């Protein structure tokens, strides 16, 4: 997809910098790519949330393979209506998922809602303004029912601010955009 996946792996590494007792939400967890950032024995809790039981099983297998299953709680959840209280997570990660959600704005609102003040939301997504080269990918994905309505990077940036983030970074790289936003303290 013309994107440097090292950027995704670097973002996942942020999980490994968190102190014991921290709570992380990974939504959608998918196959558990973000779990590569968890250190064995780190003493954190990662809630690996997804709407697909198949993806939850894959994430659980990834956690076991990485030796971090004791820190991972697979949870069936809809990002548009997260079953968690306000300000309950120290980090929310959402890798290559925003473009799949049926309502990306609502997903951003929910992910920011569950962030503790001063905590970060980091992730990646396909955006509709990544260039003409990626239009066939977006059209095929939408027709196949794999991609949701998606959004532009400017819309995502605006929605992050409107949801309560005061620091928003977003950069396009190939077909993907990488973002990091901090909830206002």
N, C-alpha and C. Protein backbone atom coordinates (compact mmCIF):
# COMPACT_ATOMS: atom_id res chain seq x y z
N UNK A 1 0.81 -1.19 0.00
CA UNK A 1 0.00 0.00 0.00
C UNK A 1 0.86 1.25 0.00
N UNK A 2 2.12 1.08 -0.32
CA UNK A 2 2.99 2.24 -0.45
C UNK A 2 3.29 2.94 0.86
N UNK A 3 3.03 2.28 1.97
CA UNK A 3 3.25 2.90 3.27
C UNK A 3 4.36 2.15 3.99
N UNK A 4 5.13 2.88 4.76
CA UNK A 4 6.21 2.29 5.54
C UNK A 4 5.61 1.70 6.81
N UNK A 5 5.47 0.38 6.85
CA UNK A 5 4.86 -0.26 8.01
C UNK A 5 5.69 -0.11 9.27
N UNK A 6 6.94 0.32 9.13
CA UNK A 6 7.74 0.61 10.32
C UNK A 6 7.09 1.73 11.12
N UNK A 7 6.37 2.63 10.45
CA UNK A 7 5.65 3.69 11.16
C UNK A 7 4.57 3.10 12.07
N UNK A 8 3.88 2.08 11.59
CA UNK A 8 2.88 1.40 12.40
C UNK A 8 3.54 0.69 13.57
N UNK A 9 4.64 0.02 13.30
CA UNK A 9 5.34 -0.70 14.37
C UNK A 9 5.91 0.26 15.40
N UNK A 10 6.39 1.41 14.98
CA UNK A 10 6.88 2.43 15.91
C UNK A 10 5.74 2.92 16.80
N UNK A 11 4.57 3.11 16.21
CA UNK A 11 3.41 3.56 16.99
C UNK A 11 3.01 2.49 18.01
N UNK A 12 3.06 1.22 17.61
CA UNK A 12 2.73 0.13 18.54
C UNK A 12 3.74 0.07 19.68
N UNK A 13 4.97 0.46 19.42
CA UNK A 13 6.01 0.42 20.45
C UNK A 13 5.70 1.34 21.62
N UNK A 14 4.84 2.33 21.40
CA UNK A 14 4.45 3.23 22.50
C UNK A 14 3.83 2.44 23.65
N UNK A 15 3.16 1.35 23.33
CA UNK A 15 2.55 0.52 24.37
C UNK A 15 3.62 0.04 25.35
N UNK A 16 4.78 -0.35 24.82
CA UNK A 16 5.85 -0.87 25.66
C UNK A 16 6.49 0.14 26.58
N UNK A 17 6.17 1.42 26.41
CA UNK A 17 6.75 2.45 27.28
C UNK A 17 5.86 2.75 28.49
N UNK A 18 4.67 2.16 28.52
CA UNK A 18 3.73 2.45 29.61
C UNK A 18 4.13 1.74 30.89
N UNK A 19 3.91 2.37 32.03
CA UNK A 19 4.24 1.74 33.31
C UNK A 19 3.22 0.68 33.71
N UNK A 20 3.62 -0.19 34.62
CA UNK A 20 2.72 -1.20 35.16
C UNK A 20 1.46 -0.53 35.69
N UNK A 21 0.33 -1.21 35.51
CA UNK A 21 -0.94 -0.68 35.95
C UNK A 21 -1.68 0.11 34.89
N UNK A 22 -1.03 0.41 33.78
CA UNK A 22 -1.67 1.16 32.70
C UNK A 22 -2.71 0.29 31.99
N UNK A 23 -3.72 0.96 31.43
CA UNK A 23 -4.75 0.28 30.65
C UNK A 23 -4.71 0.80 29.22
N UNK A 24 -4.74 -0.13 28.26
CA UNK A 24 -4.68 0.19 26.84
C UNK A 24 -5.91 -0.41 26.16
N UNK A 25 -6.52 0.35 25.27
CA UNK A 25 -7.59 -0.17 24.42
C UNK A 25 -7.05 -0.27 23.01
N UNK A 26 -7.13 -1.46 22.44
CA UNK A 26 -6.74 -1.71 21.05
C UNK A 26 -8.02 -2.03 20.28
N UNK A 27 -8.47 -1.08 19.43
CA UNK A 27 -9.73 -1.25 18.73
C UNK A 27 -9.65 -0.73 17.30
N UNK A 28 -9.92 -1.49 16.29
CA UNK A 28 -10.19 -2.91 16.35
C UNK A 28 -8.87 -3.66 16.47
N UNK A 29 -8.86 -4.67 17.28
CA UNK A 29 -7.61 -5.39 17.49
C UNK A 29 -7.20 -6.19 16.26
N UNK A 30 -8.18 -6.61 15.46
CA UNK A 30 -7.83 -7.40 14.28
C UNK A 30 -7.03 -8.63 14.69
N UNK A 31 -5.93 -8.86 14.03
CA UNK A 31 -5.10 -10.03 14.35
C UNK A 31 -4.13 -9.75 15.49
N UNK A 32 -4.18 -8.56 16.06
CA UNK A 32 -3.33 -8.25 17.21
C UNK A 32 -2.00 -7.61 16.87
N UNK A 33 -1.93 -6.88 15.77
CA UNK A 33 -0.68 -6.23 15.36
C UNK A 33 -0.12 -5.34 16.48
N UNK A 34 -0.99 -4.61 17.16
CA UNK A 34 -0.53 -3.70 18.22
C UNK A 34 0.09 -4.44 19.40
N UNK A 35 -0.26 -5.69 19.57
CA UNK A 35 0.24 -6.45 20.72
C UNK A 35 1.74 -6.67 20.67
N UNK A 36 2.34 -6.47 19.51
CA UNK A 36 3.80 -6.60 19.41
C UNK A 36 4.50 -5.55 20.26
N UNK A 37 3.78 -4.50 20.66
CA UNK A 37 4.37 -3.47 21.51
C UNK A 37 4.36 -3.81 22.99
N UNK A 38 3.59 -4.81 23.39
CA UNK A 38 3.50 -5.19 24.80
C UNK A 38 4.73 -6.02 25.19
N UNK A 39 5.31 -5.69 26.35
CA UNK A 39 6.47 -6.45 26.84
C UNK A 39 6.00 -7.54 27.81
N UNK A 40 6.52 -8.76 27.69
CA UNK A 40 6.18 -9.78 28.68
C UNK A 40 6.52 -9.27 30.09
N UNK A 41 5.60 -9.47 31.02
CA UNK A 41 5.82 -9.04 32.38
C UNK A 41 5.68 -7.55 32.62
N UNK A 42 5.19 -6.82 31.65
CA UNK A 42 5.08 -5.36 31.75
C UNK A 42 4.08 -4.93 32.83
N UNK A 43 3.06 -5.76 33.06
CA UNK A 43 2.10 -5.44 34.11
C UNK A 43 1.02 -4.46 33.70
N UNK A 44 0.69 -4.45 32.41
CA UNK A 44 -0.39 -3.58 31.92
C UNK A 44 -1.58 -4.45 31.54
N UNK A 45 -2.71 -3.81 31.29
CA UNK A 45 -3.86 -4.52 30.76
C UNK A 45 -4.18 -3.95 29.39
N UNK A 46 -4.22 -4.82 28.39
CA UNK A 46 -4.62 -4.42 27.05
C UNK A 46 -5.99 -5.03 26.77
N UNK A 47 -6.97 -4.18 26.58
CA UNK A 47 -8.29 -4.65 26.18
C UNK A 47 -8.27 -4.69 24.66
N UNK A 48 -8.26 -5.91 24.13
CA UNK A 48 -8.22 -6.13 22.68
C UNK A 48 -9.66 -6.25 22.21
N UNK A 49 -10.21 -5.17 21.67
CA UNK A 49 -11.63 -5.12 21.32
C UNK A 49 -11.84 -5.22 19.82
N UNK A 50 -12.86 -5.95 19.45
CA UNK A 50 -13.21 -6.08 18.04
C UNK A 50 -14.67 -6.52 17.97
N UNK A 51 -15.30 -6.24 16.85
CA UNK A 51 -16.69 -6.66 16.64
C UNK A 51 -16.74 -8.08 16.06
N UNK A 52 -15.59 -8.61 15.67
CA UNK A 52 -15.49 -9.93 15.04
C UNK A 52 -14.88 -10.96 16.00
N UNK A 53 -15.61 -12.03 16.24
CA UNK A 53 -15.07 -13.09 17.10
C UNK A 53 -13.88 -13.78 16.43
N UNK A 54 -13.88 -13.83 15.12
CA UNK A 54 -12.74 -14.41 14.39
C UNK A 54 -11.48 -13.61 14.66
N UNK A 55 -11.59 -12.28 14.60
CA UNK A 55 -10.42 -11.43 14.86
C UNK A 55 -9.99 -11.53 16.32
N UNK A 56 -10.93 -11.65 17.24
CA UNK A 56 -10.58 -11.81 18.65
C UNK A 56 -9.80 -13.10 18.87
N UNK A 57 -10.19 -14.17 18.18
CA UNK A 57 -9.46 -15.43 18.29
C UNK A 57 -8.04 -15.28 17.74
N UNK A 58 -7.90 -14.56 16.63
CA UNK A 58 -6.57 -14.34 16.06
C UNK A 58 -5.71 -13.49 16.98
N UNK A 59 -6.29 -12.45 17.57
CA UNK A 59 -5.54 -11.61 18.50
C UNK A 59 -5.11 -12.41 19.73
N UNK A 60 -5.99 -13.27 20.22
CA UNK A 60 -5.64 -14.12 21.36
C UNK A 60 -4.47 -15.03 21.02
N UNK A 61 -4.48 -15.59 19.82
CA UNK A 61 -3.38 -16.45 19.38
C UNK A 61 -2.08 -15.65 19.28
N UNK A 62 -2.17 -14.43 18.78
CA UNK A 62 -0.99 -13.56 18.70
C UNK A 62 -0.45 -13.26 20.09
N UNK A 63 -1.34 -12.93 21.03
CA UNK A 63 -0.92 -12.63 22.40
C UNK A 63 -0.21 -13.84 23.02
N UNK A 64 -0.74 -15.01 22.78
CA UNK A 64 -0.12 -16.24 23.32
C UNK A 64 1.26 -16.44 22.70
N UNK A 65 1.35 -16.28 21.38
CA UNK A 65 2.63 -16.46 20.68
C UNK A 65 3.68 -15.47 21.18
N UNK A 66 3.26 -14.24 21.51
CA UNK A 66 4.19 -13.21 21.97
C UNK A 66 4.49 -13.31 23.47
N UNK A 67 3.81 -14.21 24.16
CA UNK A 67 4.03 -14.37 25.60
C UNK A 67 3.43 -13.27 26.45
N UNK A 68 2.35 -12.66 25.95
CA UNK A 68 1.72 -11.56 26.69
C UNK A 68 0.23 -11.81 26.94
N UNK A 69 -0.22 -13.05 26.76
CA UNK A 69 -1.65 -13.36 26.90
C UNK A 69 -2.19 -13.01 28.28
N UNK A 70 -1.34 -13.06 29.30
CA UNK A 70 -1.78 -12.73 30.65
C UNK A 70 -2.12 -11.25 30.82
N UNK A 71 -1.74 -10.43 29.85
CA UNK A 71 -1.99 -8.99 29.91
C UNK A 71 -3.06 -8.53 28.92
N UNK A 72 -3.63 -9.49 28.19
CA UNK A 72 -4.58 -9.17 27.12
C UNK A 72 -5.97 -9.72 27.45
N UNK A 73 -6.96 -8.85 27.37
CA UNK A 73 -8.35 -9.23 27.61
C UNK A 73 -9.14 -9.05 26.31
N UNK A 74 -9.40 -10.16 25.58
CA UNK A 74 -10.20 -10.05 24.36
C UNK A 74 -11.64 -9.65 24.72
N UNK A 75 -12.18 -8.67 24.00
CA UNK A 75 -13.50 -8.14 24.33
C UNK A 75 -14.29 -7.86 23.06
N UNK A 76 -15.46 -8.45 22.97
CA UNK A 76 -16.36 -8.19 21.85
C UNK A 76 -16.97 -6.81 22.07
N UNK A 77 -16.73 -5.88 21.15
CA UNK A 77 -17.20 -4.51 21.34
C UNK A 77 -17.36 -3.80 20.00
N UNK A 78 -18.32 -2.89 19.96
CA UNK A 78 -18.57 -2.04 18.80
C UNK A 78 -17.96 -0.68 19.08
N UNK A 79 -17.05 -0.24 18.23
CA UNK A 79 -16.36 1.03 18.44
C UNK A 79 -17.32 2.22 18.46
N UNK A 80 -18.48 2.08 17.89
CA UNK A 80 -19.46 3.16 17.89
C UNK A 80 -20.22 3.28 19.20
N UNK A 81 -20.06 2.29 20.07
CA UNK A 81 -20.75 2.27 21.37
C UNK A 81 -19.90 1.45 22.34
N UNK A 82 -18.74 1.98 22.69
CA UNK A 82 -17.79 1.24 23.53
C UNK A 82 -18.36 1.01 24.93
N UNK A 83 -18.25 -0.23 25.44
CA UNK A 83 -18.82 -0.57 26.74
C UNK A 83 -17.90 -0.23 27.92
N UNK A 84 -17.26 0.92 27.88
CA UNK A 84 -16.32 1.32 28.91
C UNK A 84 -16.69 2.72 29.41
N UNK A 85 -16.34 2.99 30.65
CA UNK A 85 -16.60 4.30 31.22
C UNK A 85 -15.73 5.37 30.62
N UNK A 86 -16.10 6.60 30.87
CA UNK A 86 -15.31 7.75 30.42
C UNK A 86 -13.93 7.71 31.07
N UNK A 87 -12.92 8.13 30.33
CA UNK A 87 -11.56 8.34 30.85
C UNK A 87 -10.99 7.11 31.55
N UNK A 88 -11.17 5.92 30.96
CA UNK A 88 -10.71 4.69 31.61
C UNK A 88 -9.43 4.10 31.02
N UNK A 89 -8.89 4.70 29.95
CA UNK A 89 -7.69 4.13 29.32
C UNK A 89 -6.56 5.15 29.26
N UNK A 90 -5.34 4.64 29.43
CA UNK A 90 -4.13 5.47 29.38
C UNK A 90 -3.58 5.61 27.97
N UNK A 91 -4.06 4.77 27.07
CA UNK A 91 -3.68 4.82 25.66
C UNK A 91 -4.75 4.08 24.87
N UNK A 92 -5.14 4.63 23.74
CA UNK A 92 -6.02 3.92 22.80
C UNK A 92 -5.28 3.83 21.49
N UNK A 93 -5.22 2.61 20.93
CA UNK A 93 -4.59 2.41 19.62
C UNK A 93 -5.64 1.88 18.66
N UNK A 94 -5.57 2.35 17.42
CA UNK A 94 -6.53 1.94 16.40
C UNK A 94 -5.80 1.88 15.06
N UNK A 95 -5.24 0.71 14.78
CA UNK A 95 -4.45 0.56 13.56
C UNK A 95 -5.30 -0.01 12.43
N UNK A 96 -5.26 0.67 11.31
CA UNK A 96 -5.98 0.29 10.09
C UNK A 96 -7.41 -0.15 10.37
N UNK A 97 -8.12 0.67 11.12
CA UNK A 97 -9.50 0.34 11.44
C UNK A 97 -10.50 1.44 11.16
N UNK A 98 -10.08 2.69 11.30
CA UNK A 98 -11.01 3.81 11.16
C UNK A 98 -11.75 3.76 9.83
N UNK A 99 -11.06 3.35 8.78
CA UNK A 99 -11.68 3.29 7.45
C UNK A 99 -12.70 2.16 7.31
N UNK A 100 -12.72 1.24 8.25
CA UNK A 100 -13.69 0.13 8.21
C UNK A 100 -14.97 0.44 8.98
N UNK A 101 -14.90 1.42 9.87
CA UNK A 101 -16.04 1.70 10.74
C UNK A 101 -17.17 2.37 9.96
N UNK A 102 -18.43 2.00 10.25
CA UNK A 102 -19.55 2.58 9.53
C UNK A 102 -19.74 4.08 9.80
N UNK A 103 -19.25 4.56 10.94
CA UNK A 103 -19.37 5.98 11.27
C UNK A 103 -18.04 6.43 11.89
N UNK A 104 -17.08 6.82 11.05
CA UNK A 104 -15.75 7.16 11.58
C UNK A 104 -15.77 8.31 12.58
N UNK A 105 -16.65 9.26 12.39
CA UNK A 105 -16.73 10.37 13.35
C UNK A 105 -17.14 9.86 14.74
N UNK A 106 -18.17 9.03 14.76
CA UNK A 106 -18.64 8.45 16.03
C UNK A 106 -17.54 7.60 16.66
N UNK A 107 -16.80 6.85 15.85
CA UNK A 107 -15.70 6.03 16.37
C UNK A 107 -14.66 6.91 17.06
N UNK A 108 -14.30 8.01 16.43
CA UNK A 108 -13.33 8.94 17.04
C UNK A 108 -13.88 9.48 18.35
N UNK A 109 -15.14 9.89 18.36
CA UNK A 109 -15.74 10.42 19.59
C UNK A 109 -15.68 9.40 20.72
N UNK A 110 -15.99 8.15 20.41
CA UNK A 110 -15.97 7.10 21.43
C UNK A 110 -14.55 6.79 21.91
N UNK A 111 -13.60 6.72 20.99
CA UNK A 111 -12.22 6.43 21.39
C UNK A 111 -11.66 7.54 22.27
N UNK A 112 -11.98 8.78 21.95
CA UNK A 112 -11.51 9.90 22.77
C UNK A 112 -12.25 9.92 24.11
N UNK A 113 -13.51 9.59 24.11
CA UNK A 113 -14.30 9.57 25.36
C UNK A 113 -13.67 8.66 26.41
N UNK A 114 -13.17 7.50 25.99
CA UNK A 114 -12.63 6.54 26.97
C UNK A 114 -11.18 6.83 27.35
N UNK A 115 -10.56 7.82 26.70
CA UNK A 115 -9.19 8.23 27.03
C UNK A 115 -9.16 9.05 28.31
N UNK A 116 -8.18 8.79 29.15
CA UNK A 116 -7.96 9.64 30.32
C UNK A 116 -7.43 10.99 29.85
N UNK A 117 -7.70 12.06 30.58
CA UNK A 117 -7.13 13.36 30.21
C UNK A 117 -5.60 13.27 30.14
N UNK A 118 -5.04 13.81 29.08
CA UNK A 118 -3.59 13.77 28.87
C UNK A 118 -3.11 12.50 28.18
N UNK A 119 -4.02 11.54 27.95
CA UNK A 119 -3.66 10.29 27.29
C UNK A 119 -3.80 10.43 25.78
N UNK A 120 -3.17 9.50 25.05
CA UNK A 120 -3.11 9.60 23.59
C UNK A 120 -3.94 8.53 22.89
N UNK A 121 -4.44 8.91 21.74
CA UNK A 121 -5.05 8.01 20.75
C UNK A 121 -4.08 8.00 19.59
N UNK A 122 -3.62 6.81 19.21
CA UNK A 122 -2.69 6.72 18.09
C UNK A 122 -3.15 5.62 17.15
N UNK A 123 -2.90 5.81 15.86
CA UNK A 123 -3.32 4.79 14.92
C UNK A 123 -3.02 5.13 13.48
N UNK A 124 -3.66 4.37 12.61
CA UNK A 124 -3.48 4.56 11.17
C UNK A 124 -4.80 4.24 10.48
N UNK A 125 -4.95 4.80 9.29
CA UNK A 125 -6.18 4.59 8.53
C UNK A 125 -5.96 4.93 7.07
N UNK A 126 -6.78 4.35 6.23
CA UNK A 126 -6.89 4.83 4.85
C UNK A 126 -7.73 6.10 4.91
N UNK A 127 -7.34 7.11 4.17
CA UNK A 127 -8.13 8.33 4.07
C UNK A 127 -8.45 8.57 2.60
N UNK A 128 -9.52 9.28 2.33
CA UNK A 128 -9.94 9.48 0.94
C UNK A 128 -9.09 10.50 0.20
N UNK A 129 -8.19 11.17 0.89
CA UNK A 129 -7.34 12.17 0.23
C UNK A 129 -5.88 11.74 0.15
N UNK A 130 -5.64 10.44 0.04
CA UNK A 130 -4.26 9.96 -0.07
C UNK A 130 -3.77 9.89 -1.51
N UNK A 131 -4.56 10.39 -2.43
CA UNK A 131 -4.11 10.45 -3.82
C UNK A 131 -4.89 9.54 -4.75
N UNK A 132 -4.88 9.92 -6.02
CA UNK A 132 -5.61 9.18 -7.06
C UNK A 132 -5.11 7.75 -7.21
N UNK A 133 -3.85 7.53 -6.92
CA UNK A 133 -3.27 6.20 -7.07
C UNK A 133 -4.04 5.15 -6.26
N UNK A 134 -4.64 5.58 -5.14
CA UNK A 134 -5.29 4.64 -4.23
C UNK A 134 -6.80 4.54 -4.44
N UNK A 135 -7.35 5.28 -5.40
CA UNK A 135 -8.80 5.24 -5.64
C UNK A 135 -9.28 3.82 -5.95
N UNK A 136 -8.62 3.06 -6.84
CA UNK A 136 -9.10 1.71 -7.12
C UNK A 136 -9.16 0.82 -5.87
N UNK A 137 -8.19 0.97 -4.98
CA UNK A 137 -8.19 0.21 -3.73
C UNK A 137 -9.40 0.58 -2.88
N UNK A 138 -9.67 1.86 -2.77
CA UNK A 138 -10.81 2.32 -1.96
C UNK A 138 -12.13 1.87 -2.58
N UNK A 139 -12.26 1.98 -3.90
CA UNK A 139 -13.50 1.58 -4.58
C UNK A 139 -13.73 0.08 -4.41
N UNK A 140 -12.70 -0.71 -4.65
CA UNK A 140 -12.83 -2.17 -4.52
C UNK A 140 -13.18 -2.56 -3.09
N UNK A 141 -12.53 -1.94 -2.12
CA UNK A 141 -12.80 -2.24 -0.72
C UNK A 141 -14.20 -1.87 -0.29
N UNK A 142 -14.69 -0.75 -0.81
CA UNK A 142 -16.05 -0.32 -0.48
C UNK A 142 -17.06 -1.26 -1.11
N UNK A 143 -16.85 -1.61 -2.37
CA UNK A 143 -17.78 -2.53 -3.06
C UNK A 143 -17.80 -3.91 -2.40
N UNK A 144 -16.65 -4.33 -1.88
CA UNK A 144 -16.56 -5.64 -1.23
C UNK A 144 -17.14 -5.62 0.18
N UNK A 145 -17.48 -4.44 0.68
CA UNK A 145 -18.03 -4.33 2.02
C UNK A 145 -16.98 -4.36 3.11
N UNK A 146 -15.72 -4.23 2.74
CA UNK A 146 -14.62 -4.25 3.70
C UNK A 146 -14.37 -2.86 4.27
N UNK A 147 -14.58 -1.85 3.45
CA UNK A 147 -14.35 -0.47 3.88
C UNK A 147 -15.67 0.24 4.15
N UNK A 148 -15.65 1.10 5.15
CA UNK A 148 -16.82 1.93 5.45
C UNK A 148 -16.79 3.18 4.60
N UNK A 149 -17.51 4.21 5.01
CA UNK A 149 -17.57 5.44 4.22
C UNK A 149 -16.26 6.22 4.20
N UNK A 150 -15.37 5.95 5.16
CA UNK A 150 -14.07 6.61 5.23
C UNK A 150 -14.23 8.12 5.42
N UNK A 151 -13.12 8.82 5.43
CA UNK A 151 -13.13 10.27 5.60
C UNK A 151 -11.81 10.82 5.08
N UNK A 152 -11.73 12.13 4.97
CA UNK A 152 -10.47 12.76 4.60
C UNK A 152 -9.62 12.93 5.85
N UNK A 153 -8.34 13.18 5.65
CA UNK A 153 -7.47 13.42 6.80
C UNK A 153 -7.87 14.71 7.51
N UNK A 154 -8.34 15.70 6.75
CA UNK A 154 -8.79 16.96 7.36
C UNK A 154 -10.02 16.74 8.24
N UNK A 155 -10.95 15.89 7.79
CA UNK A 155 -12.11 15.58 8.62
C UNK A 155 -11.68 14.88 9.90
N UNK A 156 -10.80 13.90 9.79
CA UNK A 156 -10.32 13.18 10.98
C UNK A 156 -9.66 14.15 11.95
N UNK A 157 -8.82 15.02 11.43
CA UNK A 157 -8.14 16.01 12.29
C UNK A 157 -9.18 16.90 13.00
N UNK A 158 -10.18 17.37 12.25
CA UNK A 158 -11.22 18.23 12.84
C UNK A 158 -12.02 17.47 13.90
N UNK A 159 -12.39 16.23 13.60
CA UNK A 159 -13.18 15.44 14.54
C UNK A 159 -12.39 15.15 15.82
N UNK A 160 -11.08 14.93 15.69
CA UNK A 160 -10.25 14.71 16.88
C UNK A 160 -10.25 15.95 17.76
N UNK A 161 -10.10 17.12 17.15
CA UNK A 161 -10.16 18.37 17.92
C UNK A 161 -11.54 18.53 18.57
N UNK A 162 -12.60 18.32 17.79
CA UNK A 162 -13.96 18.50 18.31
C UNK A 162 -14.28 17.51 19.44
N UNK A 163 -13.66 16.33 19.40
CA UNK A 163 -13.89 15.32 20.44
C UNK A 163 -13.15 15.63 21.73
N UNK A 164 -12.23 16.60 21.67
CA UNK A 164 -11.54 16.99 22.90
C UNK A 164 -10.05 16.81 22.92
N UNK A 165 -9.45 16.61 21.76
CA UNK A 165 -7.99 16.49 21.70
C UNK A 165 -7.38 17.85 21.38
N UNK A 166 -6.35 18.21 22.13
CA UNK A 166 -5.74 19.52 21.87
C UNK A 166 -4.40 19.41 21.16
N UNK A 167 -3.88 18.23 21.03
CA UNK A 167 -2.65 18.01 20.26
C UNK A 167 -2.98 16.95 19.21
N UNK A 168 -2.95 17.30 17.95
CA UNK A 168 -3.28 16.36 16.88
C UNK A 168 -2.19 16.39 15.83
N UNK A 169 -1.59 15.23 15.59
CA UNK A 169 -0.61 15.07 14.51
C UNK A 169 -1.19 14.07 13.53
N UNK A 170 -1.12 14.36 12.25
CA UNK A 170 -1.61 13.44 11.23
C UNK A 170 -0.77 13.63 9.99
N UNK A 171 -0.18 12.54 9.51
CA UNK A 171 0.66 12.61 8.31
C UNK A 171 0.28 11.48 7.36
N UNK A 172 0.17 11.80 6.08
CA UNK A 172 -0.14 10.81 5.06
C UNK A 172 1.16 10.18 4.56
N UNK A 173 1.11 8.86 4.39
CA UNK A 173 2.28 8.14 3.90
C UNK A 173 1.78 6.99 3.04
N UNK A 174 1.88 7.14 1.73
CA UNK A 174 1.32 6.13 0.83
C UNK A 174 -0.20 6.13 0.97
N UNK A 175 -0.78 4.94 1.04
CA UNK A 175 -2.23 4.84 1.15
C UNK A 175 -2.73 5.13 2.56
N UNK A 176 -1.84 5.13 3.53
CA UNK A 176 -2.24 5.30 4.93
C UNK A 176 -1.92 6.68 5.48
N UNK A 177 -2.71 7.06 6.46
CA UNK A 177 -2.40 8.22 7.28
C UNK A 177 -2.15 7.73 8.69
N UNK A 178 -1.16 8.31 9.33
CA UNK A 178 -0.82 7.96 10.71
C UNK A 178 -1.18 9.14 11.59
N UNK A 179 -1.85 8.86 12.70
CA UNK A 179 -2.30 9.96 13.55
C UNK A 179 -1.97 9.68 15.02
N UNK A 180 -1.81 10.75 15.75
CA UNK A 180 -1.64 10.69 17.21
C UNK A 180 -2.27 11.95 17.76
N UNK A 181 -3.16 11.77 18.72
CA UNK A 181 -3.88 12.90 19.31
C UNK A 181 -3.93 12.71 20.82
N UNK A 182 -3.77 13.80 21.55
CA UNK A 182 -3.77 13.76 23.01
C UNK A 182 -5.04 14.44 23.52
N UNK A 183 -5.73 13.74 24.41
CA UNK A 183 -6.95 14.32 25.00
C UNK A 183 -6.56 15.45 25.94
N UNK A 184 -7.27 16.54 25.84
CA UNK A 184 -7.00 17.70 26.68
C UNK A 184 -7.07 17.31 28.15
N UNK A 185 -6.15 17.86 28.93
CA UNK A 185 -6.10 17.54 30.37
C UNK A 185 -7.18 18.27 31.13
